[in-house]
Amino acid sequence: MDIDQPRTDLWTSFMKKATIYSLALACFTIGFTVNLSAQYDDNDNDTETKVEKGKGGDADDRDNSKRNEVIKKSLEKKKGILLGDTVYYLGKPNCLFIVEKKFLGNIIQATCKGLNGKEAFWLNLQENQYLPTSHPNRHYYEIVFVGSNARIHYLGTQNALIKDIAKFNLFENGVFNPQAERKFCTMTNSTTISNGNTTVIYQNTVPSNPNNPYGKVERNRSGMIQAQGNQIIQDGIVIGTFSQFKQAINGTIQNEITFYLPNGSMIARCTAYGATSHNFTVITVVDNRNAQISTGMITEAQDLSRYLVNNGYM
């Protein structure tokens, strides 16, 4: 019997295992390198698009492809879309939206600017600690407009805000449009915050007649009140207008109706929560009063305007 045979077998077995281990290590190293490279590609791409392994291509080509896709979508869907630091609308850049702080995918602080770099408004995520933790409006965005110092509490999501910036034409040809600021503040899903003493955040500044400081329309106040289109009519005369906005927020429907005098002054903001709810919280601008009003299913605007008329607000 050859005494060297066991040594040879042991050596052969060792070499086989070493070869298998080396190959496995090489495969792991290559795979890790490819995966790491893909992660860095993703990090370089602010749009968070996925990198397709094995296809190759230049990062600039991917960025241009994504940009063209967003431009096309903003034109077809007629809505604002954020890509990187730019909001696109109707197929072209609309404004700059610079996110300064973010946490778990949520915007904490941001600045919105014109394409010329001039600041339009600042945005900060805030919390209303007077509301229950589960309340859909516990968190909101405080928006401060740089030029007018107007301040609102925006209750919509960050995606809704991007859409509203475009929808209400806050920027024209890449430049901030001050004339659109009032409409944005009063027509979007923005409101005051309740802390026991409700404060109106955005005040109307329409010049008033000293003999009729609030611009209410003179007419026969005992006449029938009707809501036709977006107008409130009494005694055959238009005494005000209203706008209605519904939006899903954190699993519930917010139904908001805002009333105005013919001169544009906002009278009240009325809000109900729930798809079938017609119990409105009415906040009147002139005195900051808060009232609870129940309305009919199809007579919401008419019933709310009746309350405003009967209490001297319209």
C-alpha atoms as a PDB file:
ATOM      1  CA  MET A   1       0.000   0.000   0.000  1.00  0.00           C
ATOM      2  CA  ASP A   2       1.304   3.424  -0.973  1.00  0.00           C
ATOM      3  CA  ILE A   3       1.531   5.545   2.183  1.00  0.00           C
ATOM      4  CA  ASP A   4       1.538   8.754   0.094  1.00  0.00           C
ATOM      5  CA  GLN A   5      -1.924   8.027  -1.359  1.00  0.00           C
ATOM      6  CA  PRO A   6      -3.954   9.481   1.596  1.00  0.00           C
ATOM      7  CA  ARG A   7      -1.859  12.625   1.455  1.00  0.00           C
ATOM      8  CA  THR A   8      -2.542  12.974  -2.257  1.00  0.00           C
ATOM      9  CA  ASP A   9      -6.293  12.499  -1.749  1.00  0.00           C
ATOM     10  CA  LEU A  10      -6.332  15.058   1.055  1.00  0.00           C
ATOM     11  CA  TRP A  11      -4.438  17.555  -1.077  1.00  0.00           C
ATOM     12  CA  THR A  12      -6.746  16.996  -4.051  1.00  0.00           C
ATOM     13  CA  SER A  13      -9.828  17.444  -1.836  1.00  0.00           C
ATOM     14  CA  PHE A  14      -8.381  20.616  -0.344  1.00  0.00           C
ATOM     15  CA  MET A  15      -7.602  22.101  -3.764  1.00  0.00           C
ATOM     16  CA  LYS A  16     -11.133  21.368  -5.008  1.00  0.00           C
ATOM     17  CA  LYS A  17     -12.694  23.105  -2.011  1.00  0.00           C
ATOM     18  CA  ALA A  18     -10.332  26.053  -2.337  1.00  0.00           C
ATOM     19  CA  THR A  19     -11.214  26.421  -6.030  1.00  0.00           C
ATOM     20  CA  ILE A  20     -14.959  26.322  -5.294  1.00  0.00           C
ATOM     21  CA  TYR A  21     -14.549  28.880  -2.493  1.00  0.00           C
ATOM     22  CA  SER A  22     -12.498  31.198  -4.749  1.00  0.00           C
ATOM     23  CA  LEU A  23     -15.116  31.046  -7.487  1.00  0.00           C
ATOM     24  CA  ALA A  24     -17.933  31.733  -5.013  1.00  0.00           C
ATOM     25  CA  LEU A  25     -16.020  34.695  -3.577  1.00  0.00           C
ATOM     26  CA  ALA A  26     -15.381  36.091  -7.048  1.00  0.00           C
ATOM     27  CA  CYS A  27     -19.080  35.835  -7.966  1.00  0.00           C
ATOM     28  CA  PHE A  28     -20.094  37.528  -4.725  1.00  0.00           C
ATOM     29  CA  THR A  29     -17.596  40.352  -5.277  1.00  0.00           C
ATOM     30  CA  ILE A  30     -18.791  40.957  -8.833  1.00  0.00           C
ATOM     31  CA  GLY A  31     -22.456  40.912  -7.763  1.00  0.00           C
ATOM     32  CA  PHE A  32     -21.807  43.283  -4.876  1.00  0.00           C
ATOM     33  CA  THR A  33     -19.946  45.665  -7.167  1.00  0.00           C
ATOM     34  CA  VAL A  34     -22.790  45.702  -9.711  1.00  0.00           C
ATOM     35  CA  ASN A  35     -25.383  46.240  -6.991  1.00  0.00           C
ATOM     36  CA  LEU A  36     -23.379  49.022  -5.349  1.00  0.00           C
ATOM     37  CA  SER A  37     -22.866  50.700  -8.707  1.00  0.00           C
ATOM     38  CA  ALA A  38     -26.610  50.596  -9.332  1.00  0.00           C
ATOM     39  CA  GLN A  39     -27.266  52.155  -5.918  1.00  0.00           C
ATOM     40  CA  TYR A  40     -24.928  55.030  -6.637  1.00  0.00           C
ATOM     41  CA  ASP A  41     -26.603  55.520 -10.008  1.00  0.00           C
ATOM     42  CA  ASP A  42     -29.947  55.747  -8.218  1.00  0.00           C
ATOM     43  CA  ASN A  43     -28.572  58.257  -5.719  1.00  0.00           C
ATOM     44  CA  ASP A  44     -27.299  60.437  -8.527  1.00  0.00           C
ATOM     45  CA  ASN A  45     -30.743  60.404 -10.110  1.00  0.00           C
ATOM     46  CA  ASP A  46     -32.998  62.826  -8.201  1.00  0.00           C
ATOM     47  CA  THR A  47     -36.097  61.423  -9.892  1.00  0.00           C
ATOM     48  CA  GLU A  48     -35.559  58.092  -8.081  1.00  0.00           C
ATOM     49  CA  THR A  49     -35.956  56.119 -11.278  1.00  0.00           C
ATOM     50  CA  LYS A  50     -34.682  52.555 -11.199  1.00  0.00           C
ATOM     51  CA  VAL A  51     -31.488  51.667 -13.008  1.00  0.00           C
ATOM     52  CA  GLU A  52     -31.890  48.736 -15.363  1.00  0.00           C
ATOM     53  CA  LYS A  53     -28.922  46.444 -14.843  1.00  0.00           C
ATOM     54  CA  GLY A  54     -27.195  45.152 -17.900  1.00  0.00           C
ATOM     55  CA  LYS A  55     -28.605  47.805 -20.239  1.00  0.00           C
ATOM     56  CA  GLY A  56     -25.729  50.256 -19.761  1.00  0.00           C
ATOM     57  CA  GLY A  57     -26.231  53.761 -21.074  1.00  0.00           C
ATOM     58  CA  ASP A  58     -25.214  57.160 -19.769  1.00  0.00           C
ATOM     59  CA  ALA A  59     -26.799  58.810 -16.683  1.00  0.00           C
ATOM     60  CA  ASP A  60     -27.467  61.951 -18.724  1.00  0.00           C
ATOM     61  CA  ASP A  61     -29.464  59.936 -21.223  1.00  0.00           C
ATOM     62  CA  ARG A  62     -31.606  58.541 -18.413  1.00  0.00           C
ATOM     63  CA  ASP A  63     -32.164  62.028 -16.974  1.00  0.00           C
ATOM     64  CA  ASN A  64     -33.134  63.443 -20.366  1.00  0.00           C
ATOM     65  CA  SER A  65     -35.501  60.548 -20.980  1.00  0.00           C
ATOM     66  CA  LYS A  66     -37.199  61.085 -17.623  1.00  0.00           C
ATOM     67  CA  ARG A  67     -37.409  64.847 -18.192  1.00  0.00           C
ATOM     68  CA  ASN A  68     -39.031  64.358 -21.593  1.00  0.00           C
ATOM     69  CA  GLU A  69     -41.496  61.931 -20.027  1.00  0.00           C
ATOM     70  CA  VAL A  70     -42.469  64.465 -17.315  1.00  0.00           C
ATOM     71  CA  ILE A  71     -42.779  67.315 -19.831  1.00  0.00           C
ATOM     72  CA  LYS A  72     -45.118  65.216 -21.960  1.00  0.00           C
ATOM     73  CA  LYS A  73     -47.190  64.154 -18.951  1.00  0.00           C
ATOM     74  CA  SER A  74     -47.533  67.736 -17.643  1.00  0.00           C
ATOM     75  CA  LEU A  75     -48.864  68.775 -21.039  1.00  0.00           C
ATOM     76  CA  GLU A  76     -51.241  65.855 -21.531  1.00  0.00           C
ATOM     77  CA  LYS A  77     -52.674  65.879 -17.998  1.00  0.00           C
ATOM     78  CA  LYS A  78     -52.506  69.668 -17.620  1.00  0.00           C
ATOM     79  CA  LYS A  79     -51.086  69.497 -14.112  1.00  0.00           C
ATOM     80  CA  GLY A  80     -47.942  70.518 -12.278  1.00  0.00           C
ATOM     81  CA  ILE A  81     -45.294  67.814 -11.823  1.00  0.00           C
ATOM     82  CA  LEU A  82     -42.106  68.146  -9.771  1.00  0.00           C
ATOM     83  CA  LEU A  83     -38.899  66.729 -11.216  1.00  0.00           C
ATOM     84  CA  GLY A  84     -35.753  67.455  -9.245  1.00  0.00           C
ATOM     85  CA  ASP A  85     -36.025  71.143  -8.291  1.00  0.00           C
ATOM     86  CA  THR A  86     -38.297  72.156 -11.177  1.00  0.00           C
ATOM     87  CA  VAL A  87     -42.087  72.167 -11.457  1.00  0.00           C
ATOM     88  CA  TYR A  88     -43.223  71.466 -15.027  1.00  0.00           C
ATOM     89  CA  TYR A  89     -46.647  72.568 -16.276  1.00  0.00           C
ATOM     90  CA  LEU A  90     -48.186  72.455 -19.745  1.00  0.00           C
ATOM     91  CA  GLY A  91     -44.990  71.057 -21.190  1.00  0.00           C
ATOM     92  CA  LYS A  92     -42.504  73.618 -19.889  1.00  0.00           C
ATOM     93  CA  PRO A  93     -40.731  74.694 -16.668  1.00  0.00           C
ATOM     94  CA  ASN A  94     -43.096  76.679 -14.420  1.00  0.00           C
ATOM     95  CA  CYS A  95     -41.105  77.457 -11.262  1.00  0.00           C
ATOM     96  CA  LEU A  96     -38.431  76.163  -8.898  1.00  0.00           C
ATOM     97  CA  PHE A  97     -39.372  74.192  -5.779  1.00  0.00           C
ATOM     98  CA  ILE A  98     -36.273  73.775  -3.614  1.00  0.00           C
ATOM     99  CA  VAL A  99     -36.639  71.160  -0.881  1.00  0.00           C
ATOM    100  CA  GLU A 100     -34.349  72.169   1.993  1.00  0.00           C
ATOM    101  CA  LYS A 101     -35.282  69.512   4.537  1.00  0.00           C
ATOM    102  CA  LYS A 102     -36.943  66.128   4.163  1.00  0.00           C
ATOM    103  CA  PHE A 103     -37.743  63.279   6.549  1.00  0.00           C
ATOM    104  CA  LEU A 104     -39.046  59.804   5.606  1.00  0.00           C
ATOM    105  CA  GLY A 105     -40.070  61.092   2.189  1.00  0.00           C
ATOM    106  CA  ASN A 106     -42.021  64.065   3.570  1.00  0.00           C
ATOM    107  CA  ILE A 107     -41.076  67.670   2.844  1.00  0.00           C
ATOM    108  CA  ILE A 108     -40.260  69.544   6.064  1.00  0.00           C
ATOM    109  CA  GLN A 109     -38.961  72.828   4.631  1.00  0.00           C
ATOM    110  CA  ALA A 110     -38.941  74.212   1.104  1.00  0.00           C
ATOM    111  CA  THR A 111     -38.685  77.447  -0.862  1.00  0.00           C
ATOM    112  CA  CYS A 112     -40.623  78.165  -4.051  1.00  0.00           C
ATOM    113  CA  LYS A 113     -38.987  80.526  -6.542  1.00  0.00           C
ATOM    114  CA  GLY A 114     -39.520  81.891 -10.011  1.00  0.00           C
ATOM    115  CA  LEU A 115     -37.282  80.623 -12.774  1.00  0.00           C
ATOM    116  CA  ASN A 116     -35.401  83.913 -12.320  1.00  0.00           C
ATOM    117  CA  GLY A 117     -34.428  82.748  -8.817  1.00  0.00           C
ATOM    118  CA  LYS A 118     -36.613  85.290  -6.977  1.00  0.00           C
ATOM    119  CA  GLU A 119     -38.243  83.785  -3.882  1.00  0.00           C
ATOM    120  CA  ALA A 120     -42.065  83.620  -3.886  1.00  0.00           C
ATOM    121  CA  PHE A 121     -42.922  81.774  -0.678  1.00  0.00           C
ATOM    122  CA  TRP A 122     -41.468  79.665   2.136  1.00  0.00           C
ATOM    123  CA  LEU A 123     -42.997  76.435   3.367  1.00  0.00           C
ATOM    124  CA  ASN A 124     -42.665  74.677   6.725  1.00  0.00           C
ATOM    125  CA  LEU A 125     -44.375  71.534   8.007  1.00  0.00           C
ATOM    126  CA  GLN A 126     -46.159  72.302  11.287  1.00  0.00           C
ATOM    127  CA  GLU A 127     -48.203  70.408  13.870  1.00  0.00           C
ATOM    128  CA  ASN A 128     -51.426  71.451  15.600  1.00  0.00           C
ATOM    129  CA  GLN A 129     -51.012  69.923  19.037  1.00  0.00           C
ATOM    130  CA  TYR A 130     -54.555  70.922  20.016  1.00  0.00           C
ATOM    131  CA  LEU A 131     -55.958  68.278  17.654  1.00  0.00           C
ATOM    132  CA  PRO A 132     -55.967  64.497  18.359  1.00  0.00           C
ATOM    133  CA  THR A 133     -53.017  62.523  17.017  1.00  0.00           C
ATOM    134  CA  SER A 134     -55.268  60.714  14.535  1.00  0.00           C
ATOM    135  CA  HIS A 135     -56.917  63.900  13.220  1.00  0.00           C
ATOM    136  CA  PRO A 136     -56.305  64.333   9.456  1.00  0.00           C
ATOM    137  CA  ASN A 137     -55.442  68.016   9.868  1.00  0.00           C
ATOM    138  CA  ARG A 138     -53.000  67.658  12.773  1.00  0.00           C
ATOM    139  CA  HIS A 139     -50.109  68.286  10.360  1.00  0.00           C
ATOM    140  CA  TYR A 140     -50.209  71.112   7.851  1.00  0.00           C
ATOM    141  CA  TYR A 141     -47.927  73.328   5.791  1.00  0.00           C
ATOM    142  CA  GLU A 142     -47.464  76.911   6.892  1.00  0.00           C
ATOM    143  CA  ILE A 143     -46.875  79.003   3.774  1.00  0.00           C
ATOM    144  CA  VAL A 144     -45.531  82.550   3.988  1.00  0.00           C
ATOM    145  CA  PHE A 145     -45.497  84.698   0.841  1.00  0.00           C
ATOM    146  CA  VAL A 146     -42.347  86.786   0.677  1.00  0.00           C
ATOM    147  CA  GLY A 147     -43.762  89.916  -0.986  1.00  0.00           C
ATOM    148  CA  SER A 148     -47.021  90.390   0.942  1.00  0.00           C
ATOM    149  CA  ASN A 149     -46.128  88.464   4.106  1.00  0.00           C
ATOM    150  CA  ALA A 150     -49.511  86.704   3.724  1.00  0.00           C
ATOM    151  CA  ARG A 151     -49.572  83.535   5.807  1.00  0.00           C
ATOM    152  CA  ILE A 152     -51.815  80.497   5.318  1.00  0.00           C
ATOM    153  CA  HIS A 153     -52.100  76.974   6.677  1.00  0.00           C
ATOM    154  CA  TYR A 154     -52.264  74.581   3.745  1.00  0.00           C
ATOM    155  CA  LEU A 155     -53.929  71.267   4.611  1.00  0.00           C
ATOM    156  CA  GLY A 156     -53.285  69.385   1.374  1.00  0.00           C
ATOM    157  CA  THR A 157     -50.488  66.933   0.605  1.00  0.00           C
ATOM    158  CA  GLN A 158     -47.174  67.960  -0.933  1.00  0.00           C
ATOM    159  CA  ASN A 159     -48.335  66.523  -4.285  1.00  0.00           C
ATOM    160  CA  ALA A 160     -51.569  68.522  -4.070  1.00  0.00           C
ATOM    161  CA  LEU A 161     -49.539  71.671  -3.374  1.00  0.00           C
ATOM    162  CA  ILE A 162     -47.455  71.189  -6.512  1.00  0.00           C
ATOM    163  CA  LYS A 163     -50.649  70.789  -8.549  1.00  0.00           C
ATOM    164  CA  ASP A 164     -52.256  73.875  -6.946  1.00  0.00           C
ATOM    165  CA  ILE A 165     -49.201  76.037  -7.656  1.00  0.00           C
ATOM    166  CA  ALA A 166     -49.740  75.355 -11.355  1.00  0.00           C
ATOM    167  CA  LYS A 167     -53.557  75.236 -11.271  1.00  0.00           C
ATOM    168  CA  PHE A 168     -53.920  78.729  -9.779  1.00  0.00           C
ATOM    169  CA  ASN A 169     -51.233  80.258 -12.036  1.00  0.00           C
ATOM    170  CA  LEU A 170     -48.947  81.436  -9.259  1.00  0.00           C
ATOM    171  CA  PHE A 171     -46.259  81.731 -11.903  1.00  0.00           C
ATOM    172  CA  GLU A 172     -46.571  83.131 -15.422  1.00  0.00           C
ATOM    173  CA  ASN A 173     -43.676  82.635 -17.823  1.00  0.00           C
ATOM    174  CA  GLY A 174     -41.566  81.552 -14.862  1.00  0.00           C
ATOM    175  CA  VAL A 175     -42.223  84.754 -12.871  1.00  0.00           C
ATOM    176  CA  PHE A 176     -44.338  84.977  -9.694  1.00  0.00           C
ATOM    177  CA  ASN A 177     -47.821  86.398 -10.335  1.00  0.00           C
ATOM    178  CA  PRO A 178     -48.952  88.507  -7.306  1.00  0.00           C
ATOM    179  CA  GLN A 179     -52.475  88.809  -8.747  1.00  0.00           C
ATOM    180  CA  ALA A 180     -52.930  85.043  -8.335  1.00  0.00           C
ATOM    181  CA  GLU A 181     -51.849  85.015  -4.687  1.00  0.00           C
ATOM    182  CA  ARG A 182     -55.262  85.949  -3.213  1.00  0.00           C
ATOM    183  CA  LYS A 183     -57.076  83.325  -5.255  1.00  0.00           C
ATOM    184  CA  PHE A 184     -54.558  80.669  -4.274  1.00  0.00           C
ATOM    185  CA  CYS A 185     -54.904  81.551  -0.592  1.00  0.00           C
ATOM    186  CA  THR A 186     -58.710  81.557  -0.558  1.00  0.00           C
ATOM    187  CA  MET A 187     -59.520  78.844  -3.110  1.00  0.00           C
ATOM    188  CA  THR A 188     -57.050  76.096  -2.261  1.00  0.00           C
ATOM    189  CA  ASN A 189     -57.336  73.609   0.566  1.00  0.00           C
ATOM    190  CA  SER A 190     -55.959  76.092   3.077  1.00  0.00           C
ATOM    191  CA  THR A 191     -57.548  77.283   6.272  1.00  0.00           C
ATOM    192  CA  THR A 192     -56.921  78.537   9.779  1.00  0.00           C
ATOM    193  CA  ILE A 193     -55.740  76.415  12.683  1.00  0.00           C
ATOM    194  CA  SER A 194     -58.004  75.961  15.721  1.00  0.00           C
ATOM    195  CA  ASN A 195     -56.356  76.490  19.098  1.00  0.00           C
ATOM    196  CA  GLY A 196     -59.402  77.538  21.053  1.00  0.00           C
ATOM    197  CA  ASN A 197     -59.318  81.064  19.652  1.00  0.00           C
ATOM    198  CA  THR A 198     -59.497  80.764  15.883  1.00  0.00           C
ATOM    199  CA  THR A 199     -57.387  83.316  14.008  1.00  0.00           C
ATOM    200  CA  VAL A 200     -57.886  84.287  10.396  1.00  0.00           C
ATOM    201  CA  ILE A 201     -54.538  83.810   8.688  1.00  0.00           C
ATOM    202  CA  TYR A 202     -55.231  85.408   5.325  1.00  0.00           C
ATOM    203  CA  GLN A 203     -57.158  88.682   5.502  1.00  0.00           C
ATOM    204  CA  ASN A 204     -58.915  90.364   2.613  1.00  0.00           C
ATOM    205  CA  THR A 205     -57.776  93.904   1.846  1.00  0.00           C
ATOM    206  CA  VAL A 206     -60.507  95.069  -0.557  1.00  0.00           C
ATOM    207  CA  PRO A 207     -61.110  98.835  -0.127  1.00  0.00           C
ATOM    208  CA  SER A 208     -64.426  99.424   1.620  1.00  0.00           C
ATOM    209  CA  ASN A 209     -67.136 102.079   1.496  1.00  0.00           C
ATOM    210  CA  PRO A 210     -67.269 103.856   4.899  1.00  0.00           C
ATOM    211  CA  ASN A 211     -71.082 103.830   4.709  1.00  0.00           C
ATOM    212  CA  ASN A 212     -71.043 100.106   3.942  1.00  0.00           C
ATOM    213  CA  PRO A 213     -67.627  98.893   5.149  1.00  0.00           C
ATOM    214  CA  TYR A 214     -68.142  95.263   4.237  1.00  0.00           C
ATOM    215  CA  GLY A 215     -69.591  95.790   0.767  1.00  0.00           C
ATOM    216  CA  LYS A 216     -72.917  94.032   1.476  1.00  0.00           C
ATOM    217  CA  VAL A 217     -75.570  94.431  -1.232  1.00  0.00           C
ATOM    218  CA  GLU A 218     -78.668  96.478  -0.407  1.00  0.00           C
ATOM    219  CA  ARG A 219     -81.917  94.579  -1.143  1.00  0.00           C
ATOM    220  CA  ASN A 220     -85.076  93.239   0.450  1.00  0.00           C
ATOM    221  CA  ARG A 221     -83.698  90.874   3.112  1.00  0.00           C
ATOM    222  CA  SER A 222     -87.005  89.052   3.482  1.00  0.00           C
ATOM    223  CA  GLY A 223     -86.830  87.756  -0.083  1.00  0.00           C
ATOM    224  CA  MET A 224     -86.169  84.105  -0.941  1.00  0.00           C
ATOM    225  CA  ILE A 225     -82.510  83.043  -0.947  1.00  0.00           C
ATOM    226  CA  GLN A 226     -81.318  80.887  -3.854  1.00  0.00           C
ATOM    227  CA  ALA A 227     -78.039  79.322  -4.950  1.00  0.00           C
ATOM    228  CA  GLN A 228     -77.722  79.338  -8.742  1.00  0.00           C
ATOM    229  CA  GLY A 229     -74.474  78.236 -10.334  1.00  0.00           C
ATOM    230  CA  ASN A 230     -71.871  79.823  -8.092  1.00  0.00           C
ATOM    231  CA  GLN A 231     -74.066  82.808  -7.173  1.00  0.00           C
ATOM    232  CA  ILE A 232     -76.213  83.555  -4.130  1.00  0.00           C
ATOM    233  CA  ILE A 233     -79.357  85.479  -5.099  1.00  0.00           C
ATOM    234  CA  GLN A 234     -81.924  87.264  -2.935  1.00  0.00           C
ATOM    235  CA  ASP A 235     -84.723  89.539  -4.127  1.00  0.00           C
ATOM    236  CA  GLY A 236     -83.541  88.897  -7.693  1.00  0.00           C
ATOM    237  CA  ILE A 237     -80.116  90.412  -6.920  1.00  0.00           C
ATOM    238  CA  VAL A 238     -76.719  88.698  -6.709  1.00  0.00           C
ATOM    239  CA  ILE A 239     -75.600  89.227  -3.113  1.00  0.00           C
ATOM    240  CA  GLY A 240     -72.527  87.007  -3.199  1.00  0.00           C
ATOM    241  CA  THR A 241     -70.703  84.087  -4.753  1.00  0.00           C
ATOM    242  CA  PHE A 242     -69.280  80.814  -3.494  1.00  0.00           C
ATOM    243  CA  SER A 243     -66.760  78.162  -4.459  1.00  0.00           C
ATOM    244  CA  GLN A 244     -66.807  74.510  -3.421  1.00  0.00           C
ATOM    245  CA  PHE A 245     -63.821  72.211  -3.155  1.00  0.00           C
ATOM    246  CA  LYS A 246     -63.702  68.530  -2.185  1.00  0.00           C
ATOM    247  CA  GLN A 247     -60.580  66.536  -1.507  1.00  0.00           C
ATOM    248  CA  ALA A 248     -59.601  63.236   0.072  1.00  0.00           C
ATOM    249  CA  ILE A 249     -57.288  63.764   3.046  1.00  0.00           C
ATOM    250  CA  ASN A 250     -55.916  60.856   5.057  1.00  0.00           C
ATOM    251  CA  GLY A 251     -58.842  58.584   4.315  1.00  0.00           C
ATOM    252  CA  THR A 252     -61.663  61.120   4.739  1.00  0.00           C
ATOM    253  CA  ILE A 253     -63.393  63.602   2.415  1.00  0.00           C
ATOM    254  CA  GLN A 254     -63.043  67.308   3.155  1.00  0.00           C
ATOM    255  CA  ASN A 255     -65.899  69.387   1.743  1.00  0.00           C
ATOM    256  CA  GLU A 256     -65.128  73.106   1.830  1.00  0.00           C
ATOM    257  CA  ILE A 257     -67.414  75.942   0.693  1.00  0.00           C
ATOM    258  CA  THR A 258     -66.139  79.525   0.712  1.00  0.00           C
ATOM    259  CA  PHE A 259     -68.442  82.546   0.389  1.00  0.00           C
ATOM    260  CA  TYR A 260     -67.569  85.986  -1.015  1.00  0.00           C
ATOM    261  CA  LEU A 261     -69.251  89.349  -1.354  1.00  0.00           C
ATOM    262  CA  PRO A 262     -69.572  90.723  -4.924  1.00  0.00           C
ATOM    263  CA  ASN A 263     -66.524  92.973  -4.273  1.00  0.00           C
ATOM    264  CA  GLY A 264     -64.360  89.879  -3.719  1.00  0.00           C
ATOM    265  CA  SER A 265     -64.151  90.054   0.081  1.00  0.00           C
ATOM    266  CA  MET A 266     -64.260  86.626   1.683  1.00  0.00           C
ATOM    267  CA  ILE A 267     -67.199  86.250   4.069  1.00  0.00           C
ATOM    268  CA  ALA A 268     -66.767  82.769   5.511  1.00  0.00           C
ATOM    269  CA  ARG A 269     -65.151  79.395   5.077  1.00  0.00           C
ATOM    270  CA  CYS A 270     -67.365  76.378   5.785  1.00  0.00           C
ATOM    271  CA  THR A 271     -65.883  72.900   6.192  1.00  0.00           C
ATOM    272  CA  ALA A 272     -67.385  69.427   6.676  1.00  0.00           C
ATOM    273  CA  TYR A 273     -65.530  66.123   6.993  1.00  0.00           C
ATOM    274  CA  GLY A 274     -66.819  62.783   5.708  1.00  0.00           C
ATOM    275  CA  ALA A 275     -68.293  61.622   2.406  1.00  0.00           C
ATOM    276  CA  THR A 276     -71.885  61.810   3.701  1.00  0.00           C
ATOM    277  CA  SER A 277     -71.506  64.531   6.331  1.00  0.00           C
ATOM    278  CA  HIS A 278     -73.361  67.825   5.983  1.00  0.00           C
ATOM    279  CA  ASN A 279     -72.378  69.207   9.388  1.00  0.00           C
ATOM    280  CA  PHE A 280     -70.295  72.290   8.622  1.00  0.00           C
ATOM    281  CA  THR A 281     -67.974  74.337  10.781  1.00  0.00           C
ATOM    282  CA  VAL A 282     -68.502  77.946   9.685  1.00  0.00           C
ATOM    283  CA  ILE A 283     -65.740  80.483  10.369  1.00  0.00           C
ATOM    284  CA  THR A 284     -66.705  84.087   9.573  1.00  0.00           C
ATOM    285  CA  VAL A 285     -63.854  86.415   8.583  1.00  0.00           C
ATOM    286  CA  VAL A 286     -65.062  89.727   9.999  1.00  0.00           C
ATOM    287  CA  ASP A 287     -65.338  88.553  13.612  1.00  0.00           C
ATOM    288  CA  ASN A 288     -63.542  85.160  13.604  1.00  0.00           C
ATOM    289  CA  ARG A 289     -66.611  83.445  15.016  1.00  0.00           C
ATOM    290  CA  ASN A 290     -67.071  79.703  14.813  1.00  0.00           C
ATOM    291  CA  ALA A 291     -70.494  78.077  14.328  1.00  0.00           C
ATOM    292  CA  GLN A 292     -71.795  74.561  13.607  1.00  0.00           C
ATOM    293  CA  ILE A 293     -74.448  74.424  10.862  1.00  0.00           C
ATOM    294  CA  SER A 294     -76.246  71.331   9.496  1.00  0.00           C
ATOM    295  CA  THR A 295     -77.465  71.480   5.900  1.00  0.00           C
ATOM    296  CA  GLY A 296     -79.484  69.422   3.463  1.00  0.00           C
ATOM    297  CA  MET A 297     -77.767  67.007   1.095  1.00  0.00           C
ATOM    298  CA  ILE A 298     -78.350  69.084  -2.057  1.00  0.00           C
ATOM    299  CA  THR A 299     -78.900  72.500  -0.437  1.00  0.00           C
ATOM    300  CA  GLU A 300     -75.532  72.989   1.264  1.00  0.00           C
ATOM    301  CA  ALA A 301     -74.681  76.380  -0.271  1.00  0.00           C
ATOM    302  CA  GLN A 302     -78.259  77.651   0.059  1.00  0.00           C
ATOM    303  CA  ASP A 303     -78.575  76.649   3.724  1.00  0.00           C
ATOM    304  CA  LEU A 304     -75.166  78.064   4.629  1.00  0.00           C
ATOM    305  CA  SER A 305     -75.853  81.350   2.833  1.00  0.00           C
ATOM    306  CA  ARG A 306     -79.184  81.607   4.705  1.00  0.00           C
ATOM    307  CA  TYR A 307     -77.268  81.445   7.980  1.00  0.00           C
ATOM    308  CA  LEU A 308     -74.885  84.164   6.735  1.00  0.00           C
ATOM    309  CA  VAL A 309     -77.760  86.396   5.604  1.00  0.00           C
ATOM    310  CA  ASN A 310     -79.795  85.935   8.786  1.00  0.00           C
ATOM    311  CA  ASN A 311     -76.782  86.817  10.917  1.00  0.00           C
ATOM    312  CA  GLY A 312     -75.836  89.907   8.902  1.00  0.00           C
ATOM    313  CA  TYR A 313     -72.702  88.615   7.220  1.00  0.00           C
ATOM    314  CA  MET A 314     -74.060  88.764   3.659  1.00  0.00           C
END
